[in-house]
Amino acid sequence: MTGNTRRARAIAIAEAKPNARMVALRYLMLAAGATAASLALLLSHLI
């Protein structure tokens, strides 16, 4: 693979638009993690 081919491939991968479902799932998992962390912090203060 020549340098130009490798560069073109890297640019194509970088410009690929993320799937909307994957973006939604990522935010959902982030929100679930934040909620779990908040609950754990809250429970640790109450106990």
N, C-alpha and C. Protein backbone atom coordinates (compact mmCIF):
# COMPACT_ATOMS: atom_id res chain seq x y z
N MET A 1 0.86 -1.18 0.00
CA MET A 1 0.00 0.00 0.00
C MET A 1 0.90 1.24 0.00
N THR A 2 0.70 2.07 -0.98
CA THR A 2 1.53 3.27 -1.07
C THR A 2 1.07 4.32 -0.07
N GLY A 3 1.86 5.36 0.08
CA GLY A 3 1.51 6.42 1.03
C GLY A 3 0.22 7.12 0.67
N ASN A 4 0.01 7.36 -0.63
CA ASN A 4 -1.21 8.05 -1.05
C ASN A 4 -2.44 7.21 -0.78
N THR A 5 -2.34 5.91 -1.04
CA THR A 5 -3.48 5.02 -0.79
C THR A 5 -3.83 4.99 0.68
N ARG A 6 -2.81 4.90 1.51
CA ARG A 6 -3.02 4.85 2.96
C ARG A 6 -3.64 6.16 3.44
N ARG A 7 -3.16 7.28 2.90
CA ARG A 7 -3.69 8.60 3.29
C ARG A 7 -5.16 8.74 2.86
N ALA A 8 -5.45 8.34 1.64
CA ALA A 8 -6.83 8.44 1.14
C ALA A 8 -7.77 7.57 1.97
N ARG A 9 -7.28 6.40 2.35
CA ARG A 9 -8.11 5.50 3.16
C ARG A 9 -8.36 6.09 4.55
N ALA A 10 -7.33 6.69 5.15
CA ALA A 10 -7.48 7.31 6.47
C ALA A 10 -8.46 8.47 6.41
N ILE A 11 -8.39 9.26 5.35
CA ILE A 11 -9.32 10.39 5.21
C ILE A 11 -10.75 9.88 5.04
N ALA A 12 -10.92 8.83 4.25
CA ALA A 12 -12.25 8.27 4.03
C ALA A 12 -12.85 7.75 5.34
N ILE A 13 -12.03 7.09 6.15
CA ILE A 13 -12.51 6.58 7.43
C ILE A 13 -12.86 7.73 8.37
N ALA A 14 -12.04 8.78 8.37
CA ALA A 14 -12.27 9.92 9.26
C ALA A 14 -13.52 10.68 8.87
N GLU A 15 -13.82 10.72 7.57
CA GLU A 15 -14.98 11.49 7.10
C GLU A 15 -16.27 10.69 7.14
N ALA A 16 -16.20 9.41 7.44
CA ALA A 16 -17.40 8.58 7.47
C ALA A 16 -18.34 9.10 8.56
N LYS A 17 -19.57 9.33 8.19
CA LYS A 17 -20.55 9.85 9.14
C LYS A 17 -20.95 8.75 10.11
N PRO A 18 -20.97 9.03 11.40
CA PRO A 18 -21.39 8.00 12.36
C PRO A 18 -22.87 7.67 12.20
N ASN A 19 -23.21 6.44 12.39
CA ASN A 19 -24.59 5.99 12.29
C ASN A 19 -25.42 6.65 13.40
N ALA A 20 -26.58 7.17 13.04
CA ALA A 20 -27.42 7.88 14.00
C ALA A 20 -27.81 6.98 15.17
N ARG A 21 -28.06 5.71 14.89
CA ARG A 21 -28.43 4.78 15.95
C ARG A 21 -27.26 4.57 16.92
N MET A 22 -26.04 4.51 16.39
CA MET A 22 -24.88 4.34 17.25
C MET A 22 -24.64 5.58 18.11
N VAL A 23 -24.88 6.76 17.54
CA VAL A 23 -24.72 8.00 18.32
C VAL A 23 -25.74 8.04 19.45
N ALA A 24 -26.99 7.68 19.14
CA ALA A 24 -28.03 7.66 20.16
C ALA A 24 -27.70 6.65 21.25
N LEU A 25 -27.20 5.49 20.86
CA LEU A 25 -26.84 4.45 21.83
C LEU A 25 -25.68 4.93 22.71
N ARG A 26 -24.73 5.63 22.11
CA ARG A 26 -23.59 6.13 22.88
C ARG A 26 -24.04 7.13 23.94
N TYR A 27 -24.95 8.04 23.55
CA TYR A 27 -25.46 9.02 24.52
C TYR A 27 -26.30 8.36 25.59
N LEU A 28 -27.05 7.34 25.20
CA LEU A 28 -27.87 6.61 26.17
C LEU A 28 -26.98 5.91 27.20
N MET A 29 -25.91 5.29 26.75
CA MET A 29 -25.00 4.62 27.67
C MET A 29 -24.28 5.64 28.57
N LEU A 30 -23.95 6.79 28.01
CA LEU A 30 -23.32 7.84 28.80
C LEU A 30 -24.27 8.33 29.89
N ALA A 31 -25.55 8.52 29.52
CA ALA A 31 -26.54 8.96 30.49
C ALA A 31 -26.76 7.90 31.57
N ALA A 32 -26.78 6.63 31.18
CA ALA A 32 -26.96 5.55 32.15
C ALA A 32 -25.78 5.50 33.11
N GLY A 33 -24.58 5.68 32.60
CA GLY A 33 -23.40 5.68 33.45
C GLY A 33 -23.40 6.85 34.42
N ALA A 34 -23.80 8.02 33.93
CA ALA A 34 -23.86 9.19 34.80
C ALA A 34 -24.92 9.01 35.88
N THR A 35 -26.04 8.42 35.52
CA THR A 35 -27.10 8.17 36.50
C THR A 35 -26.63 7.18 37.57
N ALA A 36 -25.97 6.12 37.13
CA ALA A 36 -25.46 5.14 38.09
C ALA A 36 -24.43 5.75 39.02
N ALA A 37 -23.56 6.58 38.48
CA ALA A 37 -22.54 7.23 39.31
C ALA A 37 -23.19 8.18 40.32
N SER A 38 -24.21 8.92 39.87
CA SER A 38 -24.90 9.84 40.77
C SER A 38 -25.61 9.09 41.89
N LEU A 39 -26.26 7.99 41.55
CA LEU A 39 -26.94 7.19 42.57
C LEU A 39 -25.95 6.60 43.56
N ALA A 40 -24.81 6.13 43.05
CA ALA A 40 -23.80 5.56 43.94
C ALA A 40 -23.27 6.63 44.90
N LEU A 41 -23.06 7.82 44.39
CA LEU A 41 -22.57 8.92 45.23
C LEU A 41 -23.62 9.29 46.28
N LEU A 42 -24.87 9.35 45.87
CA LEU A 42 -25.95 9.68 46.77
C LEU A 42 -26.09 8.62 47.87
N LEU A 43 -26.04 7.37 47.48
CA LEU A 43 -26.16 6.29 48.46
C LEU A 43 -24.99 6.25 49.42
N SER A 44 -23.81 6.59 48.93
CA SER A 44 -22.64 6.58 49.82
C SER A 44 -22.73 7.68 50.87
N HIS A 45 -23.42 8.76 50.55
CA HIS A 45 -23.60 9.84 51.52
C HIS A 45 -24.69 9.50 52.54
N LEU A 46 -25.68 8.75 52.10
CA LEU A 46 -26.80 8.42 52.98
C LEU A 46 -26.45 7.33 53.98
N ILE A 47 -25.55 6.45 53.57
CA ILE A 47 -25.21 5.30 54.45
C ILE A 47 -24.14 5.70 55.45
